[in-house]
Amino acid sequence: MKRFDEKYLERSKESWDKISPEEFLGFLMPKAEQILSKDSLREVLQSGRKLNIKLGIDPTGKDIHLGHLVPVMVLRQFLRAGHRIHLIIGDFTAKVGDPSGRTTSRKSLTDADIKDNYKTYIAQVDRYIKTGKLKIHHNADWLEKVKLSDFFGILERINLSDAIQRDDFRTRMKNGQGVSLSEVCYGILMAIDSVELKTDIEVGGVDQLLNFQQARQIMPFYGLKEEVAFTVPILEGTSGDGRKMSKSFENYIAVTASPEEKFGKIMSIPDKLILIYFKSFADVHESEIEELKEFIAREPMEAKKQLATFISSLEFGDLKKGLEERDKFERKFSKEIISDEDCFAIKIEAGVSVLELLFETGQFESKGEIRRLFGEKSVRNLADDDILGLDYSPAVGEKIRVGKRKFFIFK
C-alpha cells in the first residue's frame, strides 16, 4: 500500500537549498488559489536571488486554527528554499480592521486587546515553522510614523470609485451598513507594509486578493516592482457544509489541540475534503496529484487515516506520534475497546449534576454544547450503549461516551 503519510512527512524535513525554480514551482502550485501572476512568480524565482516573502496576521483573536496555518505552510516552503520570510503582526492594522469578506465593520480593538491576543501567536505558529528563522515585525513600528503629508500623497493617486469597487463594500452599502473611510484605507496600509519590506511575494488567503491588488498598484509609486500576490484557498471546516473553518461555526481544529483531538477531527471530515487538506498541509508536487486523487477515490478511509496520521505528526516531525494516534483511534472506534486510560476521569461529587461535572472537565466550550449533545442522544453508557439524559446519576466505575470521540470514567 502507498504510504503518503510517511512520504510527505519525510519530505517535510528535506532541505530545498538547491531546488530548481521549476521544481519549486511544482510544489507551490498545488497550494495556490490565485496568483498575480504566475509568469511574474516564475520570473522572480528564476532571478536566483533571495526573495522577500511577506505574510501579515492581524491579532484579532487569541487562538489560531488549522485554517490560519494554510499560508504559513507556504512560508515554510519558501523558508526551506532559502528565502527571507517576513511575518508581520498587524498591531496597527488590527485597530483599523480588515474589511475583506465582512458584512459589518469589525469591533474596535484596544491596544491592550491586541497585545493580549498576539502574545501567544508566535508560540502557536512555532509548532509548524521555526519562528527563530523568520523576521518578525509589528507594523505599528512604521505605520505610526507615517507623515500625514506622505499618506495624502498616496491617497491622491487612488481613485475612490476604484477603492470601493469591492463586493463586500457594495453589499454592506446596499444593506444600509456603513463602510468607514479607515476600512477603505486598509489595503493602502498593507501596501505601506510591502513598501517598508520591499516585498517580492505576498502570501495570504484568497480573500486578501483585493488588498494585494492595491499594494501592487501603490508599490511602483516608490520605485518598486509590484509584488507577486500568492493566494491560498480559504480552508473549509470539518463539517463539510461549505463554510470556512471558524471557531464561530464550531468546525475548527485548534493549533493547540492534542494529537488525539486532531486525529479524531480529521477523521470526521467528509471525503471531498481529503485532497484539499493534503494539498494545504503536505508538500504535494503537482505531478503527484492524479495519483493522490486515485488513491483517495479507491480507499477513502485509508486515505483519511493517512491524512490524520500526517497532520498529527507534522508539528513533531515524527511519524510515530501519528501512528500512535491511529492505533488508538482504531482500537476505540474499529475494535471498540475503550480502556480506563482512554477516558477522562471525573470525580463524583454529591449534589453536583452530570452537566456540571462534564463542564468542569474543561473538555467543552459551554454548558449549552453539553445540553445539545444530550438532546441529540449523543451521550451513552459504554457498558450497554443506553442513551443517557440530563437526569443521569453516575456511579463509580461507569464509562460514558459524549459525542463521537470523548470518553469519561467516573471515580
Protein backbone atom coordinates (compact mmCIF):
# COMPACT_ATOMS: atom_id res chain seq x y z
CA MET A 1 0.00 0.00 0.00
CA LYS A 2 1.20 3.50 -0.85
CA ARG A 3 2.08 5.40 2.34
CA PHE A 4 1.52 9.06 1.54
CA ASP A 5 1.70 9.98 5.23
CA GLU A 6 5.22 8.61 5.52
CA LYS A 7 6.30 10.05 2.16
CA TYR A 8 5.08 13.58 2.92
CA LEU A 9 6.41 13.68 6.47
CA GLU A 10 9.88 12.65 5.31
CA ARG A 11 9.70 15.20 2.51
CA SER A 12 8.76 17.94 5.02
CA LYS A 13 12.19 17.55 6.62
CA GLU A 14 14.23 17.75 3.39
CA SER A 15 16.42 20.75 2.64
CA TRP A 16 15.45 22.61 -0.52
CA ASP A 17 18.51 24.85 -0.65
CA LYS A 18 19.42 23.67 -4.13
CA ILE A 19 15.94 23.11 -5.53
CA SER A 20 15.46 24.36 -9.10
CA PRO A 21 12.91 27.12 -9.76
CA GLU A 22 10.71 24.80 -11.85
CA GLU A 23 10.77 22.02 -9.28
CA PHE A 24 9.94 24.50 -6.52
CA LEU A 25 7.10 25.92 -8.60
CA GLY A 26 5.74 22.38 -8.87
CA PHE A 27 5.41 22.26 -5.07
CA LEU A 28 3.95 25.76 -4.79
CA MET A 29 1.18 25.42 -7.37
CA PRO A 30 -0.99 22.83 -5.53
CA LYS A 31 -1.27 25.30 -2.62
CA ALA A 32 -2.30 28.25 -4.78
CA GLU A 33 -5.83 29.51 -5.35
CA GLN A 34 -4.93 32.54 -7.48
CA ILE A 35 -1.60 34.14 -8.37
CA LEU A 36 -0.92 37.61 -9.79
CA SER A 37 0.80 36.49 -11.82
CA LYS A 38 2.23 33.02 -12.39
CA ASP A 39 4.64 34.39 -15.01
CA SER A 40 5.89 37.00 -12.54
CA LEU A 41 6.28 34.30 -9.89
CA ARG A 42 8.37 32.19 -12.26
CA GLU A 43 10.44 35.23 -13.17
CA VAL A 44 11.37 36.16 -9.58
CA LEU A 45 12.12 32.53 -8.74
CA GLN A 46 14.45 32.32 -11.72
CA SER A 47 16.27 35.50 -10.67
CA GLY A 48 18.45 33.42 -8.35
CA ARG A 49 18.33 35.98 -5.52
CA LYS A 50 16.92 35.64 -2.04
CA LEU A 51 13.36 36.89 -2.15
CA ASN A 52 11.42 38.83 0.47
CA ILE A 53 8.31 36.83 1.30
CA LYS A 54 5.61 38.51 3.39
CA LEU A 55 2.65 37.27 5.43
CA GLY A 56 0.63 39.60 7.63
CA ILE A 57 -1.54 38.44 10.53
CA ASP A 58 -3.87 40.80 12.38
CA PRO A 59 -4.21 39.62 16.01
CA THR A 60 -7.99 39.94 16.22
CA GLY A 61 -8.28 36.83 18.44
CA LYS A 62 -6.12 34.70 20.72
CA ASP A 63 -6.31 31.30 19.08
CA ILE A 64 -5.04 30.01 15.76
CA HIS A 65 -6.66 27.07 13.99
CA LEU A 66 -5.51 24.99 11.03
CA GLY A 67 -7.26 27.35 8.62
CA HIS A 68 -4.88 30.12 9.70
CA LEU A 69 -1.93 27.83 9.03
CA VAL A 70 -2.58 27.30 5.31
CA PRO A 71 -0.49 30.35 4.22
CA VAL A 72 2.07 29.51 6.92
CA MET A 73 2.71 26.19 5.14
CA VAL A 74 3.60 28.19 2.01
CA LEU A 75 6.02 30.30 4.07
CA ARG A 76 7.56 27.07 5.29
CA GLN A 77 8.25 26.04 1.69
CA PHE A 78 9.90 29.37 0.87
CA LEU A 79 11.97 29.19 4.05
CA ARG A 80 13.28 25.73 3.14
CA ALA A 81 14.21 27.10 -0.29
CA GLY A 82 16.42 29.72 1.39
CA HIS A 83 14.30 32.87 1.06
CA ARG A 84 13.76 35.65 3.64
CA ILE A 85 10.44 35.32 5.45
CA HIS A 86 8.79 38.39 6.95
CA LEU A 87 5.93 37.70 9.37
CA ILE A 88 4.03 40.88 10.22
CA ILE A 89 1.98 41.10 13.38
CA GLY A 90 -0.56 43.73 12.40
CA ASP A 91 -0.86 45.53 15.70
CA PHE A 92 -1.69 48.77 13.84
CA THR A 93 -3.90 47.34 11.10
CA ALA A 94 -5.87 45.28 13.67
CA LYS A 95 -7.20 48.56 15.05
CA VAL A 96 -8.48 49.52 11.58
CA GLY A 97 -9.99 46.10 10.84
CA ASP A 98 -9.64 44.14 7.62
CA PRO A 99 -12.94 44.57 5.71
CA SER A 100 -12.35 41.54 3.47
CA GLY A 101 -15.48 39.39 3.29
CA ARG A 102 -17.17 41.28 6.12
CA THR A 103 -20.90 42.03 6.15
CA THR A 104 -20.40 44.51 9.01
CA SER A 105 -17.48 46.53 10.34
CA ARG A 106 -15.21 44.85 12.86
CA LYS A 107 -15.45 45.65 16.54
CA SER A 108 -12.75 48.14 17.54
CA LEU A 109 -9.85 46.67 19.47
CA THR A 110 -7.81 48.44 22.11
CA ASP A 111 -4.02 48.27 22.33
CA ALA A 112 -4.45 46.03 25.38
CA ASP A 113 -6.76 43.65 23.43
CA ILE A 114 -4.27 43.41 20.59
CA LYS A 115 -1.28 42.83 22.85
CA ASP A 116 -3.16 40.14 24.76
CA ASN A 117 -4.13 38.42 21.50
CA TYR A 118 -0.71 38.30 19.88
CA LYS A 119 1.35 37.27 22.90
CA THR A 120 0.67 33.58 22.16
CA TYR A 121 0.67 33.88 18.35
CA ILE A 122 4.35 33.21 17.87
CA ALA A 123 4.33 30.18 20.15
CA GLN A 124 1.40 28.71 18.22
CA VAL A 125 2.94 29.34 14.79
CA ASP A 126 6.28 27.98 16.03
CA ARG A 127 4.76 24.50 16.18
CA TYR A 128 4.80 24.44 12.37
CA ILE A 129 7.55 26.80 11.28
CA LYS A 130 10.70 27.73 13.17
CA THR A 131 9.94 31.34 14.02
CA GLY A 132 13.53 31.91 15.12
CA LYS A 133 14.42 31.81 11.41
CA LEU A 134 11.80 34.41 10.45
CA LYS A 135 11.97 38.18 10.55
CA ILE A 136 9.06 39.15 12.81
CA HIS A 137 7.73 42.70 12.65
CA HIS A 138 4.96 44.80 14.22
CA ASN A 139 3.58 47.18 11.63
CA ALA A 140 2.84 49.86 14.24
CA ASP A 141 6.62 50.39 14.28
CA TRP A 142 6.42 52.19 10.92
CA LEU A 143 2.75 52.95 10.34
CA GLU A 144 2.59 55.13 13.44
CA LYS A 145 5.43 57.21 11.98
CA VAL A 146 3.89 57.84 8.55
CA LYS A 147 3.55 61.57 7.95
CA LEU A 148 0.10 62.82 7.04
CA SER A 149 1.53 64.60 4.00
CA ASP A 150 3.04 61.33 2.76
CA PHE A 151 -0.20 59.46 3.36
CA PHE A 152 -2.19 62.03 1.40
CA GLY A 153 0.42 61.73 -1.33
CA ILE A 154 -0.70 58.12 -1.71
CA LEU A 155 -4.40 58.88 -1.42
CA GLU A 156 -4.31 61.41 -4.25
CA ARG A 157 -3.14 58.66 -6.59
CA ILE A 158 -6.05 56.34 -5.67
CA ASN A 159 -9.43 56.81 -7.33
CA LEU A 160 -12.22 56.50 -4.73
CA SER A 161 -14.53 54.73 -7.16
CA ASP A 162 -11.83 52.09 -7.68
CA ALA A 163 -11.19 51.75 -3.94
CA ILE A 164 -14.83 50.95 -3.16
CA GLN A 165 -15.42 48.63 -6.12
CA ARG A 166 -15.46 45.59 -3.85
CA ASP A 167 -18.30 43.13 -3.44
CA ASP A 168 -18.07 43.29 0.36
CA PHE A 169 -18.35 47.10 0.36
CA ARG A 170 -21.16 47.14 -2.20
CA THR A 171 -23.13 44.54 -0.24
CA ARG A 172 -22.79 46.44 3.00
CA MET A 173 -23.83 49.75 1.46
CA LYS A 174 -26.77 48.11 -0.29
CA ASN A 175 -27.91 46.68 3.06
CA GLY A 176 -27.55 50.02 4.80
CA GLN A 177 -24.34 49.01 6.61
CA GLY A 178 -21.78 51.79 6.64
CA VAL A 179 -18.22 51.49 5.35
CA SER A 180 -15.75 53.66 7.23
CA LEU A 181 -13.01 55.58 5.44
CA SER A 182 -10.47 53.77 7.61
CA GLU A 183 -11.64 50.45 6.13
CA VAL A 184 -11.31 51.89 2.63
CA CYS A 185 -7.69 52.69 3.52
CA TYR A 186 -6.90 49.21 4.87
CA GLY A 187 -5.31 48.00 1.62
CA ILE A 188 -3.18 51.16 1.49
CA LEU A 189 -1.78 50.35 4.94
CA MET A 190 -0.91 46.85 3.73
CA ALA A 191 0.79 48.45 0.74
CA ILE A 192 2.94 50.60 3.06
CA ASP A 193 3.96 47.36 4.82
CA SER A 194 5.07 45.96 1.47
CA VAL A 195 7.00 49.13 0.62
CA GLU A 196 8.72 49.05 4.01
CA LEU A 197 9.86 45.44 3.48
CA LYS A 198 10.44 45.67 -0.30
CA THR A 199 8.25 42.62 -0.68
CA ASP A 200 8.73 40.35 -3.69
CA ILE A 201 5.91 37.92 -2.91
CA GLU A 202 2.99 38.37 -0.53
CA VAL A 203 1.17 35.28 0.73
CA GLY A 204 -2.37 35.18 2.15
CA GLY A 205 -5.88 33.86 1.81
CA VAL A 206 -7.75 34.46 -1.44
CA ASP A 207 -10.00 36.86 0.49
CA GLN A 208 -6.98 39.20 0.62
CA LEU A 209 -6.68 39.48 -3.16
CA LEU A 210 -8.22 42.97 -3.39
CA ASN A 211 -5.87 44.23 -0.66
CA PHE A 212 -2.92 42.71 -2.52
CA GLN A 213 -4.02 44.37 -5.75
CA GLN A 214 -3.95 47.75 -4.01
CA ALA A 215 -0.42 47.05 -2.77
CA ARG A 216 0.60 46.15 -6.32
CA GLN A 217 -0.87 49.44 -7.52
CA ILE A 218 0.99 51.55 -4.94
CA MET A 219 4.46 49.97 -4.88
CA PRO A 220 5.56 51.46 -8.24
CA PHE A 221 4.98 54.95 -6.76
CA TYR A 222 8.03 54.20 -4.61
CA GLY A 223 10.17 52.90 -7.45
CA LEU A 224 9.50 49.25 -6.53
CA LYS A 225 8.36 46.44 -8.76
CA GLU A 226 4.83 45.32 -7.92
CA GLU A 227 4.81 42.30 -5.62
CA VAL A 228 3.56 38.88 -6.67
CA ALA A 229 0.24 38.11 -4.96
CA PHE A 230 0.15 34.43 -3.96
CA THR A 231 -3.24 33.49 -2.53
CA VAL A 232 -4.28 30.20 -0.94
CA PRO A 233 -7.81 28.76 -0.56
CA ILE A 234 -9.91 29.51 2.50
CA LEU A 235 -9.91 26.15 4.29
CA GLU A 236 -13.35 24.61 4.62
CA GLY A 237 -14.26 23.49 8.13
CA THR A 238 -14.55 19.91 9.33
CA SER A 239 -18.35 19.75 8.98
CA GLY A 240 -18.14 19.89 5.18
CA ASP A 241 -21.10 22.25 4.84
CA GLY A 242 -19.11 24.70 2.70
CA ARG A 243 -18.42 27.19 5.49
CA LYS A 244 -14.87 28.25 6.23
CA MET A 245 -13.08 26.85 9.27
CA SER A 246 -14.02 29.09 12.17
CA LYS A 247 -14.40 28.91 15.92
CA SER A 248 -17.78 30.61 15.47
CA PHE A 249 -19.04 27.66 13.43
CA GLU A 250 -17.55 25.02 15.79
CA ASN A 251 -15.93 23.36 12.75
CA TYR A 252 -12.30 24.10 13.54
CA ILE A 253 -9.17 22.26 14.65
CA ALA A 254 -7.13 24.34 17.08
CA VAL A 255 -3.36 24.50 16.66
CA THR A 256 -3.10 23.82 20.39
CA ALA A 257 -5.36 20.74 20.24
CA SER A 258 -3.85 17.44 21.33
CA PRO A 259 -2.66 14.99 18.64
CA GLU A 260 -5.57 12.74 19.63
CA GLU A 261 -8.11 15.51 19.07
CA LYS A 262 -6.51 16.50 15.76
CA PHE A 263 -6.62 12.90 14.58
CA GLY A 264 -10.25 12.48 15.61
CA LYS A 265 -11.41 15.71 13.98
CA ILE A 266 -9.62 14.92 10.72
CA MET A 267 -11.42 11.58 10.70
CA SER A 268 -14.72 13.45 10.90
CA ILE A 269 -14.23 15.45 7.67
CA PRO A 270 -16.14 14.40 4.54
CA ASP A 271 -14.20 12.56 1.86
CA LYS A 272 -14.42 15.54 -0.51
CA LEU A 273 -12.00 17.49 1.73
CA ILE A 274 -9.23 14.87 1.93
CA LEU A 275 -7.36 16.08 -1.18
CA ILE A 276 -7.77 19.76 -0.21
CA TYR A 277 -6.34 19.12 3.26
CA PHE A 278 -3.44 17.10 1.84
CA LYS A 279 -2.56 19.90 -0.59
CA SER A 280 -2.88 22.53 2.13
CA PHE A 281 -0.55 20.89 4.68
CA ALA A 282 1.71 18.46 2.81
CA ASP A 283 4.37 19.17 0.18
CA VAL A 284 2.39 17.67 -2.69
CA HIS A 285 4.01 18.12 -6.10
CA GLU A 286 1.63 18.93 -8.95
CA SER A 287 2.85 15.81 -10.79
CA GLU A 288 1.54 13.65 -7.90
CA ILE A 289 -1.99 14.99 -7.69
CA GLU A 290 -3.61 12.48 -10.04
CA GLU A 291 -2.07 9.55 -8.17
CA LEU A 292 -3.26 11.01 -4.86
CA LYS A 293 -6.77 11.56 -6.27
CA GLU A 294 -6.95 7.94 -7.44
CA PHE A 295 -5.81 6.67 -4.04
CA ILE A 296 -8.47 8.75 -2.24
CA ALA A 297 -11.21 7.58 -4.62
CA ARG A 298 -10.14 3.94 -4.26
CA GLU A 299 -9.52 3.87 -0.50
CA PRO A 300 -11.11 6.94 1.12
CA MET A 301 -10.99 5.60 4.69
CA GLU A 302 -7.32 4.64 4.44
CA ALA A 303 -6.54 7.98 2.79
CA LYS A 304 -8.27 9.83 5.62
CA LYS A 305 -6.36 7.82 8.23
CA GLN A 306 -3.09 8.66 6.48
CA LEU A 307 -4.06 12.35 6.36
CA ALA A 308 -4.88 12.30 10.08
CA THR A 309 -1.60 10.48 10.81
CA PHE A 310 0.36 13.07 8.82
CA ILE A 311 -1.28 16.11 10.44
CA SER A 312 -0.96 14.61 13.94
CA SER A 313 2.75 14.04 13.28
CA LEU A 314 3.62 17.27 11.49
CA GLU A 315 4.42 19.52 14.44
CA PHE A 316 6.64 16.80 15.94
CA GLY A 317 8.39 15.77 12.72
CA ASP A 318 7.98 12.15 13.83
CA LEU A 319 5.53 9.75 12.17
CA LYS A 320 5.46 7.59 15.30
CA LYS A 321 3.28 10.17 17.02
CA GLY A 322 0.63 9.99 14.34
CA LEU A 323 0.83 6.21 14.14
CA GLU A 324 0.23 6.04 17.90
CA GLU A 325 -2.90 8.11 17.44
CA ARG A 326 -4.00 5.93 14.53
CA ASP A 327 -3.60 2.79 16.65
CA LYS A 328 -5.53 4.41 19.50
CA PHE A 329 -8.30 5.54 17.13
CA GLU A 330 -8.67 2.12 15.52
CA ARG A 331 -8.73 0.40 18.90
CA LYS A 332 -11.50 2.70 20.12
CA PHE A 333 -13.65 3.05 17.03
CA SER A 334 -12.96 -0.02 14.89
CA LYS A 335 -12.43 -2.59 17.63
CA GLU A 336 -14.47 -0.61 20.20
CA ILE A 337 -12.02 -1.32 23.01
CA ILE A 338 -12.08 1.59 25.46
CA SER A 339 -9.59 1.33 28.32
CA ASP A 340 -9.61 3.41 31.51
CA GLU A 341 -6.60 5.31 30.10
CA ASP A 342 -8.68 6.38 27.10
CA CYS A 343 -11.15 8.12 29.41
CA PHE A 344 -11.03 11.46 31.17
CA ALA A 345 -11.51 10.78 34.88
CA ILE A 346 -14.30 12.65 36.70
CA LYS A 347 -14.68 12.58 40.46
CA ILE A 348 -18.31 12.25 41.51
CA GLU A 349 -19.44 14.99 43.88
CA ALA A 350 -22.62 14.71 45.93
CA GLY A 351 -25.32 17.08 44.74
CA VAL A 352 -23.46 18.05 41.55
CA SER A 353 -25.30 17.27 38.31
CA VAL A 354 -23.73 15.36 35.45
CA LEU A 355 -23.97 18.58 33.39
CA GLU A 356 -21.80 20.43 35.91
CA LEU A 357 -19.37 17.52 36.25
CA LEU A 358 -18.83 17.36 32.49
CA PHE A 359 -18.46 21.12 32.14
CA GLU A 360 -15.84 21.25 34.91
CA THR A 361 -13.59 18.90 32.89
CA GLY A 362 -12.80 21.76 30.50
CA GLN A 363 -13.46 19.48 27.52
CA PHE A 364 -16.43 21.52 26.27
CA GLU A 365 -16.88 25.11 25.09
CA SER A 366 -20.04 25.68 27.09
CA LYS A 367 -22.85 24.05 29.07
CA GLY A 368 -25.01 24.72 26.03
CA GLU A 369 -22.81 22.37 23.97
CA ILE A 370 -23.28 19.62 26.57
CA ARG A 371 -27.06 20.16 26.68
CA ARG A 372 -27.13 19.94 22.89
CA LEU A 373 -25.27 16.60 22.95
CA PHE A 374 -27.73 15.20 25.49
CA GLY A 375 -30.61 16.49 23.34
CA GLU A 376 -29.13 14.79 20.26
CA LYS A 377 -28.95 11.48 22.21
CA SER A 378 -25.17 11.58 21.86
CA VAL A 379 -24.41 10.66 25.48
CA ARG A 380 -24.31 6.92 26.06
CA ASN A 381 -23.25 4.40 28.68
CA LEU A 382 -20.39 2.33 27.24
CA ALA A 383 -21.42 -0.84 29.07
CA ASP A 384 -24.82 -1.27 27.43
CA ASP A 385 -24.98 1.63 24.91
CA ASP A 386 -28.00 3.08 26.75
CA ILE A 387 -28.89 6.68 25.89
CA LEU A 388 -28.41 8.94 28.89
CA GLY A 389 -30.34 12.07 29.83
CA LEU A 390 -29.54 15.13 31.91
CA ASP A 391 -31.10 13.39 34.92
CA TYR A 392 -28.44 10.66 34.76
CA SER A 393 -26.73 9.92 38.10
CA PRO A 394 -23.30 8.37 37.50
CA ALA A 395 -21.88 5.56 39.58
CA VAL A 396 -18.23 4.90 40.40
CA GLY A 397 -16.50 2.96 37.61
CA GLU A 398 -19.04 3.77 34.88
CA LYS A 399 -17.76 4.88 31.49
CA ILE A 400 -19.70 7.13 29.13
CA ARG A 401 -19.25 8.41 25.59
CA VAL A 402 -20.14 12.04 24.92
CA GLY A 403 -20.42 12.85 21.22
CA LYS A 404 -18.31 10.79 18.84
CA ARG A 405 -14.88 10.92 20.41
CA LYS A 406 -14.95 11.90 24.09
CA PHE A 407 -14.92 9.28 26.82
CA PHE A 408 -15.20 9.70 30.57
CA ILE A 409 -14.91 7.43 33.61
CA PHE A 410 -16.41 8.31 36.96
CA LYS A 411 -14.31 7.85 40.09
